[in-house]
């Protein structure tokens, strides 16, 4: 209690709230939070995990001091954004999925004929926008874990952050699809906070730590 009181008099927050994009590799988040715990043992922590525009929405509403957001082109004077690395996305499917049985690079036209599992947004900020969707028929899921489960069950194909499916690829539960798309598919991250209420010292340290650890995985 005395340490916490000293922290408050020195300007440290009693609690830090943050929201991170679900695509952020779990190992990077855990390592950053562990370092934060050691450096700021008196500060409480509140972490939310959201997808796409829901990260920025939480920051705009003031329920998070800052966020680590995915790609979102949003011109808003209330927000300050900065680079925070990226994660590689790979197209995957179950080994018995029709696309997994193709012995050559898969054309975009061929991939369009199969159900694509797509992560959707809980907020309205990306309404009408699609990220990496090429299929005529898609199933929209607001939960990355549910998307992962449906991919394992062979109910469709989709793009996933590579760190999340590395073990599945090694064990043959999923296979990587070589779909002919221009360039490498990467999912960029950004730090985001309200310009009128910048993060305090603890939140600023954690935000910078997450940004530095966000190099492509």
C-alpha atoms as a PDB file:
ATOM      1  CA  UNK A   1       0.000   0.000   0.000  1.00  0.00           C
ATOM      2  CA  UNK A   2       2.868   2.357   0.810  1.00  0.00           C
ATOM      3  CA  UNK A   3       4.520   1.582  -2.539  1.00  0.00           C
ATOM      4  CA  UNK A   4       1.235   2.245  -4.318  1.00  0.00           C
ATOM      5  CA  UNK A   5       0.833   5.545  -2.491  1.00  0.00           C
ATOM      6  CA  UNK A   6       4.377   6.570  -3.480  1.00  0.00           C
ATOM      7  CA  UNK A   7       3.581   5.689  -7.085  1.00  0.00           C
ATOM      8  CA  UNK A   8       0.498   7.908  -7.067  1.00  0.00           C
ATOM      9  CA  UNK A   9       2.454  10.869  -5.695  1.00  0.00           C
ATOM     10  CA  UNK A  10       5.081  10.355  -8.415  1.00  0.00           C
ATOM     11  CA  UNK A  11       2.416  10.375 -11.134  1.00  0.00           C
ATOM     12  CA  UNK A  12       2.097   6.629 -11.719  1.00  0.00           C
ATOM     13  CA  UNK A  13      -1.372   5.371 -12.567  1.00  0.00           C
ATOM     14  CA  UNK A  14      -3.271   3.176 -10.121  1.00  0.00           C
ATOM     15  CA  UNK A  15      -4.403   1.093 -13.088  1.00  0.00           C
ATOM     16  CA  UNK A  16      -3.593   0.854 -16.792  1.00  0.00           C
ATOM     17  CA  UNK A  17      -6.268  -0.205 -19.265  1.00  0.00           C
ATOM     18  CA  UNK A  18      -5.363  -1.304 -22.772  1.00  0.00           C
ATOM     19  CA  UNK A  19      -6.970  -3.014 -25.725  1.00  0.00           C
ATOM     20  CA  UNK A  20      -5.048  -5.116 -28.239  1.00  0.00           C
ATOM     21  CA  UNK A  21      -5.900  -6.575 -31.609  1.00  0.00           C
ATOM     22  CA  UNK A  22      -6.633 -10.298 -31.520  1.00  0.00           C
ATOM     23  CA  UNK A  23      -4.006 -10.843 -34.248  1.00  0.00           C
ATOM     24  CA  UNK A  24      -1.179  -9.694 -31.955  1.00  0.00           C
ATOM     25  CA  UNK A  25       0.933 -12.802 -31.201  1.00  0.00           C
ATOM     26  CA  UNK A  26       0.175 -14.027 -27.683  1.00  0.00           C
ATOM     27  CA  UNK A  27       3.848 -14.602 -26.834  1.00  0.00           C
ATOM     28  CA  UNK A  28       4.673 -10.963 -27.536  1.00  0.00           C
ATOM     29  CA  UNK A  29       1.779  -9.750 -25.400  1.00  0.00           C
ATOM     30  CA  UNK A  30       2.633 -12.087 -22.508  1.00  0.00           C
ATOM     31  CA  UNK A  31       6.321 -11.087 -22.535  1.00  0.00           C
ATOM     32  CA  UNK A  32       5.480  -7.374 -22.549  1.00  0.00           C
ATOM     33  CA  UNK A  33       2.977  -7.786 -19.701  1.00  0.00           C
ATOM     34  CA  UNK A  34       5.477  -9.805 -17.665  1.00  0.00           C
ATOM     35  CA  UNK A  35       8.092  -7.052 -18.092  1.00  0.00           C
ATOM     36  CA  UNK A  36       5.455  -4.475 -17.127  1.00  0.00           C
ATOM     37  CA  UNK A  37       4.579  -6.426 -13.960  1.00  0.00           C
ATOM     38  CA  UNK A  38       8.222  -6.464 -12.896  1.00  0.00           C
ATOM     39  CA  UNK A  39       8.804  -2.771 -13.600  1.00  0.00           C
ATOM     40  CA  UNK A  40       5.494  -1.471 -12.225  1.00  0.00           C
ATOM     41  CA  UNK A  41       4.439  -3.936  -9.494  1.00  0.00           C
ATOM     42  CA  UNK A  42       1.964  -1.484  -7.941  1.00  0.00           C
ATOM     43  CA  UNK A  43      -0.044  -0.697 -11.082  1.00  0.00           C
ATOM     44  CA  UNK A  44      -3.191  -2.714 -11.773  1.00  0.00           C
ATOM     45  CA  UNK A  45      -3.870  -3.861 -15.318  1.00  0.00           C
ATOM     46  CA  UNK A  46      -6.991  -4.218 -17.405  1.00  0.00           C
ATOM     47  CA  UNK A  47      -6.569  -5.922 -20.805  1.00  0.00           C
ATOM     48  CA  UNK A  48      -9.159  -6.347 -23.549  1.00  0.00           C
ATOM     49  CA  UNK A  49      -8.742  -8.237 -26.806  1.00  0.00           C
ATOM     50  CA  UNK A  50     -10.782  -7.064 -29.794  1.00  0.00           C
ATOM     51  CA  UNK A  51     -10.698  -7.236 -33.592  1.00  0.00           C
ATOM     52  CA  UNK A  52     -10.245  -4.561 -36.249  1.00  0.00           C
ATOM     53  CA  UNK A  53     -12.152  -1.335 -35.515  1.00  0.00           C
ATOM     54  CA  UNK A  54     -13.292  -2.429 -32.050  1.00  0.00           C
ATOM     55  CA  UNK A  55      -9.784  -1.636 -30.749  1.00  0.00           C
ATOM     56  CA  UNK A  56      -9.974   1.982 -31.888  1.00  0.00           C
ATOM     57  CA  UNK A  57     -13.590   2.208 -30.753  1.00  0.00           C
ATOM     58  CA  UNK A  58     -12.559   1.330 -27.183  1.00  0.00           C
ATOM     59  CA  UNK A  59      -9.885   4.037 -27.245  1.00  0.00           C
ATOM     60  CA  UNK A  60     -12.293   6.636 -28.645  1.00  0.00           C
ATOM     61  CA  UNK A  61     -14.846   5.801 -25.952  1.00  0.00           C
ATOM     62  CA  UNK A  62     -12.197   6.214 -23.252  1.00  0.00           C
ATOM     63  CA  UNK A  63     -12.439   2.670 -21.897  1.00  0.00           C
ATOM     64  CA  UNK A  64      -8.759   2.052 -22.738  1.00  0.00           C
ATOM     65  CA  UNK A  65      -5.765   4.358 -22.240  1.00  0.00           C
ATOM     66  CA  UNK A  66      -4.277   3.074 -25.485  1.00  0.00           C
ATOM     67  CA  UNK A  67      -4.623   0.313 -28.021  1.00  0.00           C
ATOM     68  CA  UNK A  68      -2.545  -1.833 -30.334  1.00  0.00           C
ATOM     69  CA  UNK A  69      -4.704  -1.744 -33.437  1.00  0.00           C
ATOM     70  CA  UNK A  70      -4.678  -3.594 -36.724  1.00  0.00           C
ATOM     71  CA  UNK A  71      -5.046  -1.859 -40.105  1.00  0.00           C
ATOM     72  CA  UNK A  72      -7.646   0.883 -39.901  1.00  0.00           C
ATOM     73  CA  UNK A  73      -7.534   3.986 -42.060  1.00  0.00           C
ATOM     74  CA  UNK A  74      -9.452   6.433 -39.917  1.00  0.00           C
ATOM     75  CA  UNK A  75      -8.877  10.183 -40.167  1.00  0.00           C
ATOM     76  CA  UNK A  76      -9.687  11.527 -36.725  1.00  0.00           C
ATOM     77  CA  UNK A  77      -8.095  14.512 -34.981  1.00  0.00           C
ATOM     78  CA  UNK A  78      -8.848  12.888 -31.623  1.00  0.00           C
ATOM     79  CA  UNK A  79      -6.414  10.037 -32.299  1.00  0.00           C
ATOM     80  CA  UNK A  80      -2.634   9.778 -32.324  1.00  0.00           C
ATOM     81  CA  UNK A  81      -1.224   6.721 -34.097  1.00  0.00           C
ATOM     82  CA  UNK A  82       2.216   5.207 -34.536  1.00  0.00           C
ATOM     83  CA  UNK A  83       3.785   2.091 -36.104  1.00  0.00           C
ATOM     84  CA  UNK A  84       3.933  -1.103 -34.037  1.00  0.00           C
ATOM     85  CA  UNK A  85       5.217  -3.787 -36.408  1.00  0.00           C
ATOM     86  CA  UNK A  86       3.217  -6.483 -38.149  1.00  0.00           C
ATOM     87  CA  UNK A  87       2.443 -10.184 -38.251  1.00  0.00           C
ATOM     88  CA  UNK A  88       2.587 -12.472 -41.275  1.00  0.00           C
ATOM     89  CA  UNK A  89      -0.729 -13.926 -42.410  1.00  0.00           C
ATOM     90  CA  UNK A  90      -0.890 -17.312 -44.132  1.00  0.00           C
ATOM     91  CA  UNK A  91      -3.772 -18.957 -45.977  1.00  0.00           C
ATOM     92  CA  UNK A  92      -4.565 -22.336 -44.409  1.00  0.00           C
ATOM     93  CA  UNK A  93      -7.083 -25.170 -44.594  1.00  0.00           C
ATOM     94  CA  UNK A  94      -7.567 -28.644 -43.154  1.00  0.00           C
ATOM     95  CA  UNK A  95      -5.567 -31.361 -44.991  1.00  0.00           C
ATOM     96  CA  UNK A  96      -8.724 -32.905 -46.476  1.00  0.00           C
ATOM     97  CA  UNK A  97     -10.101 -29.579 -47.745  1.00  0.00           C
ATOM     98  CA  UNK A  98     -10.407 -29.494 -51.586  1.00  0.00           C
ATOM     99  CA  UNK A  99      -7.946 -26.596 -51.861  1.00  0.00           C
ATOM    100  CA  UNK A 100      -5.372 -28.497 -49.792  1.00  0.00           C
ATOM    101  CA  UNK A 101      -5.419 -31.303 -52.370  1.00  0.00           C
ATOM    102  CA  UNK A 102      -4.398 -29.021 -55.238  1.00  0.00           C
ATOM    103  CA  UNK A 103      -0.804 -29.830 -56.281  1.00  0.00           C
ATOM    104  CA  UNK A 104      -0.020 -26.424 -57.807  1.00  0.00           C
ATOM    105  CA  UNK A 105      -0.347 -22.758 -56.858  1.00  0.00           C
ATOM    106  CA  UNK A 106      -4.025 -21.963 -56.345  1.00  0.00           C
ATOM    107  CA  UNK A 107      -5.420 -19.177 -58.496  1.00  0.00           C
ATOM    108  CA  UNK A 108      -7.562 -16.506 -56.885  1.00  0.00           C
ATOM    109  CA  UNK A 109     -10.408 -17.662 -59.164  1.00  0.00           C
ATOM    110  CA  UNK A 110     -10.187 -21.194 -57.765  1.00  0.00           C
ATOM    111  CA  UNK A 111     -10.087 -19.964 -54.146  1.00  0.00           C
ATOM    112  CA  UNK A 112     -13.177 -17.832 -54.780  1.00  0.00           C
ATOM    113  CA  UNK A 113     -15.269 -20.961 -55.308  1.00  0.00           C
ATOM    114  CA  UNK A 114     -14.747 -22.186 -51.728  1.00  0.00           C
ATOM    115  CA  UNK A 115     -16.081 -20.811 -48.436  1.00  0.00           C
ATOM    116  CA  UNK A 116     -13.651 -18.325 -46.910  1.00  0.00           C
ATOM    117  CA  UNK A 117     -13.724 -17.886 -43.136  1.00  0.00           C
ATOM    118  CA  UNK A 118     -13.345 -14.182 -42.351  1.00  0.00           C
ATOM    119  CA  UNK A 119     -12.821 -12.309 -39.097  1.00  0.00           C
ATOM    120  CA  UNK A 120     -15.415  -9.566 -38.750  1.00  0.00           C
ATOM    121  CA  UNK A 121     -15.638  -6.415 -36.680  1.00  0.00           C
ATOM    122  CA  UNK A 122     -17.736  -5.905 -33.553  1.00  0.00           C
ATOM    123  CA  UNK A 123     -17.700  -2.134 -34.153  1.00  0.00           C
ATOM    124  CA  UNK A 124     -19.160  -0.080 -36.988  1.00  0.00           C
ATOM    125  CA  UNK A 125     -15.828   1.565 -37.849  1.00  0.00           C
ATOM    126  CA  UNK A 126     -15.031  -0.877 -40.671  1.00  0.00           C
ATOM    127  CA  UNK A 127     -18.578  -1.375 -41.873  1.00  0.00           C
ATOM    128  CA  UNK A 128     -18.552  -2.181 -45.593  1.00  0.00           C
ATOM    129  CA  UNK A 129     -14.786  -2.808 -45.650  1.00  0.00           C
ATOM    130  CA  UNK A 130     -13.151  -6.169 -46.319  1.00  0.00           C
ATOM    131  CA  UNK A 131      -9.589  -7.239 -45.535  1.00  0.00           C
ATOM    132  CA  UNK A 132      -8.153 -10.001 -47.703  1.00  0.00           C
ATOM    133  CA  UNK A 133     -11.562 -11.360 -48.758  1.00  0.00           C
ATOM    134  CA  UNK A 134     -11.585 -12.905 -52.241  1.00  0.00           C
ATOM    135  CA  UNK A 135     -14.232 -15.647 -52.027  1.00  0.00           C
ATOM    136  CA  UNK A 136     -17.731 -15.256 -53.426  1.00  0.00           C
ATOM    137  CA  UNK A 137     -19.152 -16.949 -50.323  1.00  0.00           C
ATOM    138  CA  UNK A 138     -17.744 -16.114 -46.896  1.00  0.00           C
ATOM    139  CA  UNK A 139     -18.619 -16.935 -43.322  1.00  0.00           C
ATOM    140  CA  UNK A 140     -18.098 -14.012 -40.939  1.00  0.00           C
ATOM    141  CA  UNK A 141     -16.888 -14.706 -37.411  1.00  0.00           C
ATOM    142  CA  UNK A 142     -16.299 -12.185 -34.628  1.00  0.00           C
ATOM    143  CA  UNK A 143     -14.003 -14.554 -32.725  1.00  0.00           C
ATOM    144  CA  UNK A 144     -10.572 -15.696 -33.944  1.00  0.00           C
ATOM    145  CA  UNK A 145     -10.772 -18.839 -31.807  1.00  0.00           C
ATOM    146  CA  UNK A 146     -14.007 -19.851 -33.519  1.00  0.00           C
ATOM    147  CA  UNK A 147     -12.420 -19.225 -36.916  1.00  0.00           C
ATOM    148  CA  UNK A 148      -9.478 -21.428 -35.921  1.00  0.00           C
ATOM    149  CA  UNK A 149     -11.843 -24.216 -34.811  1.00  0.00           C
ATOM    150  CA  UNK A 150     -13.791 -24.119 -38.089  1.00  0.00           C
ATOM    151  CA  UNK A 151     -10.570 -24.222 -40.093  1.00  0.00           C
ATOM    152  CA  UNK A 152      -9.456 -27.330 -38.170  1.00  0.00           C
ATOM    153  CA  UNK A 153     -12.863 -28.889 -38.857  1.00  0.00           C
ATOM    154  CA  UNK A 154     -12.443 -28.344 -42.605  1.00  0.00           C
ATOM    155  CA  UNK A 155     -15.432 -26.033 -42.956  1.00  0.00           C
ATOM    156  CA  UNK A 156     -13.571 -23.469 -45.027  1.00  0.00           C
ATOM    157  CA  UNK A 157     -10.211 -21.822 -45.689  1.00  0.00           C
ATOM    158  CA  UNK A 158      -8.879 -18.559 -44.383  1.00  0.00           C
ATOM    159  CA  UNK A 159      -5.957 -16.337 -43.466  1.00  0.00           C
ATOM    160  CA  UNK A 160      -4.478 -16.704 -39.991  1.00  0.00           C
ATOM    161  CA  UNK A 161      -1.542 -15.118 -38.140  1.00  0.00           C
ATOM    162  CA  UNK A 162       1.340 -17.535 -38.688  1.00  0.00           C
ATOM    163  CA  UNK A 163       2.404 -17.773 -35.008  1.00  0.00           C
ATOM    164  CA  UNK A 164      -1.078 -19.004 -34.089  1.00  0.00           C
ATOM    165  CA  UNK A 165      -1.033 -21.900 -36.585  1.00  0.00           C
ATOM    166  CA  UNK A 166       2.656 -22.884 -36.530  1.00  0.00           C
ATOM    167  CA  UNK A 167       1.970 -25.898 -34.306  1.00  0.00           C
ATOM    168  CA  UNK A 168      -0.995 -26.969 -36.445  1.00  0.00           C
ATOM    169  CA  UNK A 169       1.184 -26.810 -39.561  1.00  0.00           C
ATOM    170  CA  UNK A 170       3.940 -28.854 -37.899  1.00  0.00           C
ATOM    171  CA  UNK A 171       1.489 -31.539 -36.772  1.00  0.00           C
ATOM    172  CA  UNK A 172      -0.409 -31.628 -40.067  1.00  0.00           C
ATOM    173  CA  UNK A 173      -3.697 -30.433 -38.619  1.00  0.00           C
ATOM    174  CA  UNK A 174      -3.626 -27.570 -41.118  1.00  0.00           C
ATOM    175  CA  UNK A 175      -1.746 -27.061 -44.376  1.00  0.00           C
ATOM    176  CA  UNK A 176      -0.555 -23.836 -45.930  1.00  0.00           C
ATOM    177  CA  UNK A 177      -2.237 -22.865 -49.186  1.00  0.00           C
ATOM    178  CA  UNK A 178      -0.234 -21.207 -51.943  1.00  0.00           C
ATOM    179  CA  UNK A 179      -2.780 -18.767 -53.311  1.00  0.00           C
ATOM    180  CA  UNK A 180      -1.666 -16.470 -56.108  1.00  0.00           C
ATOM    181  CA  UNK A 181      -2.062 -13.041 -54.541  1.00  0.00           C
ATOM    182  CA  UNK A 182       0.137  -9.970 -55.121  1.00  0.00           C
ATOM    183  CA  UNK A 183       2.877  -9.568 -52.495  1.00  0.00           C
ATOM    184  CA  UNK A 184       3.242 -10.950 -48.982  1.00  0.00           C
ATOM    185  CA  UNK A 185       0.140 -10.758 -46.857  1.00  0.00           C
ATOM    186  CA  UNK A 186       1.065  -8.876 -43.688  1.00  0.00           C
ATOM    187  CA  UNK A 187      -1.168  -7.486 -40.956  1.00  0.00           C
ATOM    188  CA  UNK A 188       0.257  -4.177 -39.677  1.00  0.00           C
ATOM    189  CA  UNK A 189      -0.187  -2.955 -36.103  1.00  0.00           C
ATOM    190  CA  UNK A 190      -0.428   0.602 -34.808  1.00  0.00           C
ATOM    191  CA  UNK A 191      -0.388   2.201 -31.397  1.00  0.00           C
ATOM    192  CA  UNK A 192      -3.400   4.431 -30.885  1.00  0.00           C
ATOM    193  CA  UNK A 193      -4.491   6.773 -28.083  1.00  0.00           C
ATOM    194  CA  UNK A 194      -6.650   9.842 -27.640  1.00  0.00           C
ATOM    195  CA  UNK A 195      -4.667  13.018 -28.301  1.00  0.00           C
ATOM    196  CA  UNK A 196      -6.531  14.896 -25.561  1.00  0.00           C
ATOM    197  CA  UNK A 197      -5.800  12.239 -22.919  1.00  0.00           C
ATOM    198  CA  UNK A 198      -2.306  10.844 -23.587  1.00  0.00           C
ATOM    199  CA  UNK A 199      -1.225   7.753 -21.653  1.00  0.00           C
ATOM    200  CA  UNK A 200       0.424   8.174 -18.250  1.00  0.00           C
ATOM    201  CA  UNK A 201       3.955   6.989 -17.475  1.00  0.00           C
ATOM    202  CA  UNK A 202       3.078   3.313 -16.941  1.00  0.00           C
ATOM    203  CA  UNK A 203       0.803   3.104 -19.962  1.00  0.00           C
ATOM    204  CA  UNK A 204       3.344   4.947 -22.127  1.00  0.00           C
ATOM    205  CA  UNK A 205       6.083   2.494 -21.138  1.00  0.00           C
ATOM    206  CA  UNK A 206       3.878  -0.487 -21.942  1.00  0.00           C
ATOM    207  CA  UNK A 207       2.715   1.006 -25.238  1.00  0.00           C
ATOM    208  CA  UNK A 208       6.323   1.570 -26.347  1.00  0.00           C
ATOM    209  CA  UNK A 209       7.306  -1.916 -25.173  1.00  0.00           C
ATOM    210  CA  UNK A 210       4.533  -3.501 -27.247  1.00  0.00           C
ATOM    211  CA  UNK A 211       5.416  -1.378 -30.269  1.00  0.00           C
ATOM    212  CA  UNK A 212       9.087  -2.396 -30.083  1.00  0.00           C
ATOM    213  CA  UNK A 213       8.200  -6.089 -29.720  1.00  0.00           C
ATOM    214  CA  UNK A 214       5.849  -5.970 -32.685  1.00  0.00           C
ATOM    215  CA  UNK A 215       8.397  -6.693 -35.415  1.00  0.00           C
ATOM    216  CA  UNK A 216       7.050  -9.074 -38.016  1.00  0.00           C
ATOM    217  CA  UNK A 217       6.509 -12.626 -36.768  1.00  0.00           C
END
